[in-house]
Structures are given as structure tokens and as C-alpha cells.
Amino acid sequence: MSESRFSSSSTRQQRRAKQQDIENPSATTEGNIMRTSDISSVAAEAAGALISTSGEKEIAGGSSGFGGISAMGLKVLILLAVQNSSKNLLMRYVMKEKPDFLSSAAVIGSECTKLTLSLFYILFIEKNSFGSIIQYFKDDWKNTLLVSVPASAYNLQMTLEYIALANLDAAMFSVLVQTKLVFTATFSVIFLGKKLKYIQVISLILLTLGVMLCNMKVGNDNQNNNSNMKGILATLGIAVSSGFASVYTEKVIKAQRKNSPVMTSGGGQHSLAYTQVQLACMSLVTIGIYACIMDFRRILEFGLFHNFNGMAFLTVFNSAIGGLIVASVLKHADSVLKGYATAISVIGTGLLSMVLFGTQLHGIYFMGIINVIIAVLLYNGKNLDHYMCS
């Protein structure tokens, strides 16, 4: 009897489901689209270098707090962690001997690479015309001017990265640069009027303590003190610039685009490639002005890429490709997953720095790195007010 009741109940549910599909076929279609987007791989998106439109859902971390990362989320997590670690290690390898080339040339090379790849994506992958790019600039001219501020901040960060990694080992840099959380939170409170949760305040205190522990030296290292201080100041400059750019983008540019979104002729949204072209163009303008003012005589005498070797060009290419890949997958990464990626990259950079460069990491450093990792995870975590046992 119970089996027959269950069977009849199941049959009624199937009939109701079929009836709902007939009445609302879009629901079934939407479900199929959602499943298809889960199957698509990050490698395919990375091969295209850019991802289109912001209408796709954020799937990487889900809403399950620290657990439940999907297969897609795991791919994004690995990609972000590997890219972040490899960038720091490669740049440290190139800058360790303090080569004599212009950092402004490196930034120009990176932005030209981004611009070229983004134009290629629009023209040959999306098969849009060059006129669509010009029209985008015309329609979004206000944001094009506003974008010059974060573009300048990004140029400053890139320039300071070369200075920092010429004077600090990659392990120390990867930890110290996490202070951008402190500056982003501070600017958010000041300019956006945001309120921090208790857990976020605790995480920022832990982060500060962790950075202080990582910077403590065992024994006398007076010989490298001046070099280390220069690297520390450069890294803190990166953190301040990153925090300001994040808050500025949220307060000014996102608000502007929300009030007056730029649409295609067909009524859809432009792909991320158009934004990358916009950013690259403004970055080239601002870094070009800087190079003309600060490095003009040297460029005239020796050329822009004087003393650039193969490894230096590799850092430029790696920064450009890495930037595009990260931009393309970040829409798939929620704050929890980005916190995981940061923690993994900090650990990976420290361990690989020991193996590849013979960096000596003492016990206090590892105490500090634990603090930093916990701080990052706490600051970006969700559902932290839930009981551990319920």
C-alpha cells in the first residue's frame, strides 16, 4: 500500500512538473543555461583572455561560507593562486640583481600587450567592428575620463612592484602587500560611510600583527636594512594605491555606470574587452605623460627598452596576460574564494621562495603568515556568526 501511494504521489508530481514546463518554458531553458555555464572551463575563458558581459552568475564559491566550493570554483581558485604566486616569483627573479631598465617602459609594454589582445578579441573573436569601439568611447566619454584616476593608480602600483621586488624577497612582499585590506577598509569607512563588522575589525588587527611579525628580523641584518626599508615603503605605497583605487571605482565609476549604462546597438551590454581597451588607453596616456616628464632624456639617448632582456619582456607579458585572465574570471569568484586564493598564494610564494631563491624564513615569519592568512579568511568570510555545532 505504501509503495502504491508513493508511486501515485510521484506520478502526480511529474504531471505537475510537466504542466509547469508547458506553462513556463523559460524556466526549463534557464535551468539548462545555468547548467551549461557550470560546465564551461576556465581554460577556455583564459584562452580567449577575456569573458563577456556581466550578466553571468557568480558561481565559484557559492553561498556556503568556507565550504562547498564547486568544480568551477576550484579551477578559478587554482588559477588565481598560481597567477598571483608566479607573478611575484618571476618579477623577483628578474629584479633580484636590480637591472638598469625603465620601470615606465615595463608598464607601457604591459599596457600595449593588454590593448593589443583586447582589440584582437573584439575584432576577431566577437567579430565586432573597430567602429563599435569608437562608438563605445563616444557613448562612455565621461567614464573614460573618470577611469584615468584608477588607471594612474594601477600604473603607480606596477612601477612600485618593480621597486619593491628589487629590494624585498617575494615571500615578504606577498605578506606585506596584504595590508591593502587595511587601507581599503579605511577608505571605505571615510569615503563610502561603510561600517565594519566586529569580525572584520578583529581580522584587520590580526593582519597588522601578522605583518609586523613577518617583518621582525632574527639577528643583525644591518647590511640590508636600507634596501628592505625601500622595498617596504614601495609595498605600502602599492597597498595605499590599491585601496584608494578600489574605493574610487566603487564610489564614482560604478555609480556613474549604474545611472547611465552604455548599451550596444542591439540593446545588450558590451563585453569586458571594451572596458579593458578603455583602461589600457587611459593607462598608456598617464604612463606616457610620466615617462615624458621623468625619463625623457634617457629615452632620447638610449631608447625606451634599453637594457631589456628576455626575462624582463617575460615579466611584462606575464603581467599583461595575468591581468586579463584575472579580470575575466573574477566575476566567477566571490569574496570567500578570493580569500582562499590569497591565502594559498601567500603560502605558495613563501615556500617556493625558499626553494628557488634560498630565502631564509624563521619561525616568527611563519607565526606572522598564519595570522595574515586567518585575517584574510576572516575578513572575506561569510556565515561566521553561525554556531560550529548545531
Protein backbone atom coordinates (compact mmCIF):
# COMPACT_ATOMS: atom_id res chain seq x y z
CA MET A 1 0.00 0.00 0.00
CA SER A 2 2.72 2.45 0.95
CA GLU A 3 4.58 1.71 -2.29
CA SER A 4 1.44 2.33 -4.37
CA ARG A 5 0.76 5.61 -2.55
CA PHE A 6 4.37 6.70 -3.15
CA SER A 7 4.12 5.75 -6.83
CA SER A 8 0.86 7.63 -7.35
CA SER A 9 2.24 10.67 -5.49
CA SER A 10 5.37 10.61 -7.66
CA THR A 11 3.24 10.36 -10.80
CA ARG A 12 1.16 13.39 -9.75
CA GLN A 13 4.35 15.41 -9.10
CA GLN A 14 5.72 14.51 -12.52
CA ARG A 15 2.46 15.58 -14.19
CA ARG A 16 2.52 18.89 -12.31
CA ALA A 17 6.17 19.44 -13.34
CA LYS A 18 5.35 18.77 -16.99
CA GLN A 19 2.38 21.15 -16.80
CA GLN A 20 4.64 23.86 -15.30
CA ASP A 21 7.15 23.33 -18.12
CA ILE A 22 4.39 23.79 -20.69
CA GLU A 23 3.06 26.91 -18.99
CA ASN A 24 6.55 28.40 -18.33
CA PRO A 25 9.10 27.00 -20.78
CA SER A 26 11.61 29.78 -19.98
CA ALA A 27 12.22 28.25 -16.55
CA THR A 28 13.44 24.99 -18.10
CA THR A 29 15.57 26.86 -20.62
CA GLU A 30 17.11 28.99 -17.91
CA GLY A 31 17.97 25.89 -15.90
CA ASN A 32 19.72 24.36 -18.90
CA ILE A 33 21.70 27.55 -19.48
CA MET A 34 22.78 27.61 -15.84
CA ARG A 35 23.99 24.02 -16.01
CA THR A 36 25.84 24.71 -19.27
CA SER A 37 27.67 27.66 -17.71
CA ASP A 38 28.81 25.42 -14.87
CA ILE A 39 30.39 23.00 -17.32
CA SER A 40 32.40 25.65 -19.22
CA SER A 41 36.06 25.59 -18.19
CA VAL A 42 38.28 28.42 -17.03
CA ALA A 43 40.92 27.28 -19.53
CA ALA A 44 38.59 28.11 -22.41
CA GLU A 45 37.92 31.54 -20.96
CA ALA A 46 41.63 32.11 -20.37
CA ALA A 47 42.39 31.14 -23.98
CA GLY A 48 40.01 33.88 -25.05
CA ALA A 49 41.79 36.09 -22.48
CA LEU A 50 38.53 37.87 -21.73
CA ILE A 51 35.00 36.96 -20.77
CA SER A 52 31.90 38.75 -21.98
CA THR A 53 29.13 40.55 -20.18
CA SER A 54 28.34 40.96 -16.56
CA GLY A 55 25.05 39.12 -16.81
CA GLU A 56 26.56 35.77 -15.83
CA LYS A 57 26.16 34.49 -12.34
CA GLU A 58 28.80 34.24 -9.63
CA ILE A 59 29.32 30.53 -9.18
CA ALA A 60 32.74 29.92 -7.75
CA GLY A 61 32.27 29.96 -4.06
CA GLY A 62 28.55 29.70 -3.81
CA SER A 63 26.95 30.97 -0.60
CA SER A 64 28.08 28.23 1.70
CA GLY A 65 30.78 30.22 3.53
CA PHE A 66 34.12 28.45 3.83
CA GLY A 67 32.99 25.16 2.31
CA GLY A 68 31.15 23.84 -0.70
CA ILE A 69 33.40 25.19 -3.46
CA SER A 70 32.16 23.95 -6.81
CA ALA A 71 34.33 22.33 -9.50
CA MET A 72 34.31 25.59 -11.44
CA GLY A 73 35.21 27.45 -8.26
CA LEU A 74 38.14 25.13 -7.66
CA LYS A 75 39.52 25.86 -11.13
CA VAL A 76 39.21 29.60 -10.58
CA LEU A 77 40.81 29.23 -7.14
CA ILE A 78 43.84 27.40 -8.55
CA LEU A 79 44.17 29.84 -11.44
CA LEU A 80 44.12 32.93 -9.20
CA ALA A 81 46.57 31.42 -6.70
CA VAL A 82 49.02 30.22 -9.37
CA GLN A 83 48.90 33.51 -11.28
CA ASN A 84 49.49 35.59 -8.17
CA SER A 85 52.40 33.46 -6.94
CA SER A 86 54.06 33.12 -10.34
CA LYS A 87 53.90 36.85 -10.97
CA ASN A 88 55.65 37.67 -7.68
CA LEU A 89 58.31 34.96 -8.10
CA LEU A 90 59.08 35.80 -11.72
CA MET A 91 59.37 39.52 -11.02
CA ARG A 92 61.62 38.83 -8.03
CA TYR A 93 63.84 36.61 -10.20
CA VAL A 94 64.22 39.41 -12.75
CA MET A 95 64.63 42.26 -10.24
CA LYS A 96 66.88 40.48 -7.73
CA GLU A 97 70.06 41.82 -9.39
CA LYS A 98 68.44 45.29 -9.81
CA PRO A 99 68.71 45.55 -13.61
CA ASP A 100 69.00 49.01 -15.10
CA PHE A 101 65.87 49.37 -17.22
CA LEU A 102 62.99 51.82 -17.03
CA SER A 103 60.01 50.66 -14.99
CA SER A 104 57.86 53.04 -17.05
CA ALA A 105 58.89 51.07 -20.16
CA ALA A 106 57.74 47.85 -18.49
CA VAL A 107 54.35 49.36 -17.68
CA ILE A 108 53.98 50.71 -21.23
CA GLY A 109 54.85 47.28 -22.63
CA SER A 110 52.31 45.59 -20.37
CA GLU A 111 49.51 48.01 -21.29
CA CYS A 112 50.30 47.76 -25.02
CA THR A 113 50.05 43.97 -24.75
CA LYS A 114 46.69 44.23 -22.97
CA LEU A 115 45.40 46.69 -25.56
CA THR A 116 46.51 44.51 -28.48
CA LEU A 117 44.95 41.34 -27.05
CA SER A 118 41.70 43.12 -26.15
CA LEU A 119 41.41 44.61 -29.66
CA PHE A 120 42.12 41.17 -31.14
CA TYR A 121 39.34 39.66 -29.00
CA ILE A 122 36.80 42.30 -30.05
CA LEU A 123 37.66 42.24 -33.76
CA PHE A 124 38.33 38.53 -34.37
CA ILE A 125 36.62 36.59 -31.57
CA GLU A 126 33.49 38.69 -31.09
CA LYS A 127 33.72 39.80 -34.76
CA ASN A 128 32.70 43.37 -33.96
CA SER A 129 33.90 46.34 -35.98
CA PHE A 130 36.50 48.90 -34.96
CA GLY A 131 33.73 51.45 -35.21
CA SER A 132 31.95 49.77 -32.27
CA ILE A 133 34.99 50.59 -30.10
CA ILE A 134 34.96 54.23 -31.20
CA GLN A 135 31.22 54.39 -30.54
CA TYR A 136 31.78 52.90 -27.06
CA PHE A 137 34.27 55.67 -26.27
CA LYS A 138 31.84 58.31 -27.54
CA ASP A 139 28.93 56.95 -25.50
CA ASP A 140 31.05 56.44 -22.38
CA TRP A 141 33.28 59.51 -22.62
CA LYS A 142 32.55 60.58 -19.02
CA ASN A 143 33.74 57.26 -17.62
CA THR A 144 36.73 57.33 -19.97
CA LEU A 145 37.88 60.49 -18.19
CA LEU A 146 36.99 59.12 -14.75
CA VAL A 147 38.91 55.91 -15.46
CA SER A 148 42.14 57.92 -15.69
CA VAL A 149 42.28 58.00 -11.87
CA PRO A 150 42.30 54.20 -11.23
CA ALA A 151 44.45 53.81 -14.37
CA SER A 152 47.03 56.15 -12.85
CA ALA A 153 46.81 54.27 -9.56
CA TYR A 154 47.39 50.99 -11.39
CA ASN A 155 50.42 52.45 -13.19
CA LEU A 156 51.80 53.54 -9.84
CA GLN A 157 51.29 50.05 -8.42
CA MET A 158 53.08 48.43 -11.37
CA THR A 159 56.01 50.82 -11.06
CA LEU A 160 56.26 50.29 -7.30
CA GLU A 161 56.13 46.50 -7.76
CA TYR A 162 59.41 46.62 -9.67
CA ILE A 163 60.96 48.74 -6.92
CA ALA A 164 59.56 46.58 -4.11
CA LEU A 165 60.65 43.25 -5.58
CA ALA A 166 64.12 44.62 -6.31
CA ASN A 167 64.53 45.24 -2.57
CA LEU A 168 62.36 42.59 -0.89
CA ASP A 169 62.15 38.84 -1.31
CA ALA A 170 58.93 37.51 -2.81
CA ALA A 171 57.84 35.87 0.47
CA MET A 172 57.98 39.15 2.40
CA PHE A 173 56.32 41.09 -0.43
CA SER A 174 53.39 38.67 -0.70
CA VAL A 175 52.64 39.12 3.01
CA LEU A 176 53.21 42.86 3.26
CA VAL A 177 51.06 43.69 0.24
CA GLN A 178 48.03 42.23 2.09
CA THR A 179 47.92 45.49 4.08
CA LYS A 180 45.81 46.72 1.16
CA LEU A 181 42.88 45.27 3.15
CA VAL A 182 43.57 47.76 5.94
CA PHE A 183 43.72 50.74 3.56
CA THR A 184 40.70 49.61 1.56
CA ALA A 185 38.67 49.28 4.77
CA THR A 186 39.88 52.68 5.98
CA PHE A 187 39.00 54.44 2.72
CA SER A 188 35.63 52.66 2.63
CA VAL A 189 34.76 53.98 6.08
CA ILE A 190 35.94 57.52 5.27
CA PHE A 191 34.59 57.99 1.73
CA LEU A 192 31.73 55.48 1.45
CA GLY A 193 30.49 55.64 5.03
CA LYS A 194 30.63 51.86 5.34
CA LYS A 195 30.51 50.21 8.74
CA LEU A 196 32.88 47.38 9.57
CA LYS A 197 31.71 44.25 11.36
CA TYR A 198 33.41 43.25 14.60
CA ILE A 199 34.93 40.23 12.86
CA GLN A 200 36.43 42.49 10.18
CA VAL A 201 38.00 44.80 12.78
CA ILE A 202 39.49 41.76 14.53
CA SER A 203 40.82 40.47 11.20
CA LEU A 204 42.48 43.82 10.43
CA ILE A 205 44.19 43.78 13.84
CA LEU A 206 45.37 40.21 13.19
CA LEU A 207 46.62 41.26 9.77
CA THR A 208 48.62 44.16 11.22
CA LEU A 209 50.15 41.90 13.88
CA GLY A 210 50.96 39.27 11.27
CA VAL A 211 52.74 41.76 9.03
CA MET A 212 54.72 43.08 11.99
CA LEU A 213 55.80 39.54 12.92
CA CYS A 214 56.83 38.76 9.35
CA ASN A 215 58.99 41.88 9.27
CA MET A 216 60.82 41.04 12.50
CA LYS A 217 64.41 40.02 11.87
CA VAL A 218 66.33 37.40 13.81
CA GLY A 219 69.93 38.51 14.36
CA ASN A 220 71.65 41.56 12.87
CA ASP A 221 70.88 42.35 9.25
CA ASN A 222 72.09 45.96 9.14
CA GLN A 223 73.59 45.46 5.69
CA ASN A 224 70.18 45.04 4.05
CA ASN A 225 68.16 47.38 6.29
CA ASN A 226 68.16 50.31 3.85
CA SER A 227 67.22 48.10 0.93
CA ASN A 228 64.45 46.43 2.93
CA MET A 229 63.04 49.78 4.04
CA LYS A 230 62.88 50.98 0.44
CA GLY A 231 61.02 47.80 -0.51
CA ILE A 232 58.66 48.07 2.47
CA LEU A 233 57.77 51.69 1.64
CA ALA A 234 57.18 50.76 -2.01
CA THR A 235 54.91 47.86 -0.99
CA LEU A 236 52.92 50.08 1.40
CA GLY A 237 52.56 52.54 -1.48
CA ILE A 238 51.05 49.73 -3.55
CA ALA A 239 48.63 48.92 -0.71
CA VAL A 240 47.52 52.55 -0.33
CA SER A 241 47.10 52.98 -4.09
CA SER A 242 45.14 49.74 -4.37
CA GLY A 243 42.82 50.69 -1.51
CA PHE A 244 42.15 54.14 -2.95
CA ALA A 245 41.54 52.83 -6.48
CA SER A 246 39.05 50.23 -5.20
CA VAL A 247 37.03 52.78 -3.24
CA TYR A 248 37.18 55.38 -6.03
CA THR A 249 35.93 52.84 -8.57
CA GLU A 250 33.03 51.84 -6.33
CA LYS A 251 32.03 55.40 -5.41
CA VAL A 252 32.47 57.19 -8.74
CA ILE A 253 32.66 54.86 -11.73
CA LYS A 254 30.19 52.16 -10.66
CA ALA A 255 27.68 54.82 -9.64
CA GLN A 256 28.10 56.60 -12.98
CA ARG A 257 27.64 53.41 -14.98
CA LYS A 258 24.61 52.41 -12.92
CA ASN A 259 22.93 55.74 -13.64
CA SER A 260 23.83 55.78 -17.34
CA PRO A 261 24.75 52.32 -18.62
CA VAL A 262 26.32 52.08 -22.08
CA MET A 263 24.47 49.59 -24.28
CA THR A 264 25.23 48.05 -27.66
CA SER A 265 23.18 48.85 -30.74
CA GLY A 266 21.24 45.64 -30.11
CA GLY A 267 20.38 46.68 -26.55
CA GLY A 268 22.84 44.35 -24.81
CA GLN A 269 25.88 45.06 -22.68
CA HIS A 270 29.39 45.47 -24.00
CA SER A 271 31.88 42.74 -23.15
CA LEU A 272 34.69 43.13 -20.66
CA ALA A 273 37.09 43.59 -23.59
CA TYR A 274 35.73 47.09 -24.22
CA THR A 275 36.45 48.07 -20.62
CA GLN A 276 39.96 46.63 -20.95
CA VAL A 277 40.56 48.75 -24.07
CA GLN A 278 39.28 51.80 -22.19
CA LEU A 279 41.54 51.14 -19.19
CA ALA A 280 44.59 50.35 -21.34
CA CYS A 281 44.21 53.53 -23.38
CA MET A 282 43.96 55.74 -20.31
CA SER A 283 46.84 53.89 -18.66
CA LEU A 284 49.01 54.50 -21.72
CA VAL A 285 48.13 58.18 -21.66
CA THR A 286 49.02 58.62 -17.98
CA ILE A 287 52.18 56.48 -18.03
CA GLY A 288 53.21 58.17 -21.30
CA ILE A 289 53.00 61.58 -19.63
CA TYR A 290 55.02 60.27 -16.68
CA ALA A 291 57.71 58.80 -18.98
CA CYS A 292 57.99 62.04 -20.96
CA ILE A 293 58.48 64.06 -17.77
CA MET A 294 60.72 61.73 -15.76
CA ASP A 295 62.58 59.63 -18.34
CA PHE A 296 62.58 61.82 -21.46
CA ARG A 297 66.35 62.39 -21.70
CA ARG A 298 67.21 58.76 -21.12
CA ILE A 299 64.65 57.60 -23.67
CA LEU A 300 66.11 60.00 -26.25
CA GLU A 301 69.66 58.85 -25.53
CA PHE A 302 69.23 55.07 -25.18
CA GLY A 303 65.68 54.25 -26.30
CA LEU A 304 62.62 53.14 -24.35
CA PHE A 305 63.55 49.47 -23.89
CA HIS A 306 67.26 49.89 -23.18
CA ASN A 307 68.71 47.01 -21.09
CA PHE A 308 65.53 44.95 -21.51
CA ASN A 309 66.37 41.26 -21.77
CA GLY A 310 64.22 38.22 -22.47
CA MET A 311 63.24 37.70 -18.83
CA ALA A 312 62.23 41.35 -18.47
CA PHE A 313 59.96 41.03 -21.51
CA LEU A 314 58.57 37.84 -19.96
CA THR A 315 57.54 39.75 -16.81
CA VAL A 316 55.80 42.32 -19.00
CA PHE A 317 53.93 39.62 -20.93
CA ASN A 318 53.11 37.71 -17.74
CA SER A 319 51.69 40.82 -16.06
CA ALA A 320 49.53 41.61 -19.09
CA ILE A 321 48.20 38.08 -19.64
CA GLY A 322 47.75 37.54 -15.91
CA GLY A 323 45.82 40.79 -15.57
CA LEU A 324 43.45 39.85 -18.38
CA ILE A 325 42.90 36.33 -17.08
CA VAL A 326 42.22 37.54 -13.54
CA ALA A 327 39.80 40.18 -14.83
CA SER A 328 37.97 37.54 -16.87
CA VAL A 329 37.48 35.07 -14.01
CA LEU A 330 36.91 37.41 -11.06
CA LYS A 331 33.20 37.57 -11.89
CA HIS A 332 33.14 33.85 -11.05
CA ALA A 333 34.84 34.38 -7.68
CA ASP A 334 33.01 35.54 -4.60
CA SER A 335 34.83 37.13 -1.65
CA VAL A 336 35.32 33.79 0.14
CA LEU A 337 37.03 32.19 -2.81
CA LYS A 338 39.27 35.23 -3.34
CA GLY A 339 40.26 34.94 0.30
CA TYR A 340 41.19 31.29 -0.23
CA ALA A 341 43.22 32.19 -3.33
CA THR A 342 45.11 34.90 -1.46
CA ALA A 343 45.92 32.55 1.42
CA ILE A 344 47.18 29.83 -0.92
CA SER A 345 49.29 32.29 -2.94
CA VAL A 346 50.90 33.69 0.22
CA ILE A 347 51.84 30.19 1.40
CA GLY A 348 52.96 29.10 -2.06
CA THR A 349 55.09 32.20 -2.63
CA GLY A 350 56.82 31.76 0.74
CA LEU A 351 57.62 28.07 0.21
CA LEU A 352 58.72 28.48 -3.42
CA SER A 353 60.85 31.48 -2.47
CA MET A 354 62.71 29.21 -0.03
CA VAL A 355 63.23 26.54 -2.68
CA LEU A 356 64.07 28.76 -5.67
CA PHE A 357 65.96 31.65 -4.06
CA GLY A 358 67.17 30.17 -0.78
CA THR A 359 65.14 32.69 1.23
CA GLN A 360 65.62 32.09 4.95
CA LEU A 361 62.28 32.09 6.72
CA HIS A 362 62.39 31.92 10.53
CA GLY A 363 59.76 30.68 12.97
CA ILE A 364 58.45 34.18 13.70
CA TYR A 365 57.75 34.61 9.98
CA PHE A 366 55.55 31.51 9.96
CA MET A 367 53.70 32.78 13.05
CA GLY A 368 53.07 36.01 11.18
CA ILE A 369 51.94 34.27 7.99
CA ILE A 370 49.39 32.24 9.97
CA ASN A 371 47.99 35.50 11.37
CA VAL A 372 47.82 37.04 7.90
CA ILE A 373 46.06 34.03 6.36
CA ILE A 374 43.50 33.84 9.18
CA ALA A 375 42.92 37.60 8.88
CA VAL A 376 42.28 37.39 5.13
CA LEU A 377 39.86 34.49 5.52
CA LEU A 378 38.01 36.16 8.40
CA TYR A 379 37.70 39.48 6.58
CA ASN A 380 36.22 37.85 3.46
CA GLY A 381 34.29 35.09 5.21
CA LYS A 382 30.55 34.57 5.27
CA ASN A 383 28.21 32.99 7.85
CA LEU A 384 30.81 33.47 10.60
CA ASP A 385 28.05 34.13 13.14
CA HIS A 386 26.78 30.55 12.85
CA TYR A 387 27.41 28.05 15.61
CA MET A 388 30.08 25.45 14.89
CA CYS A 389 27.87 22.66 16.26
CA SER A 390 24.15 22.84 15.67
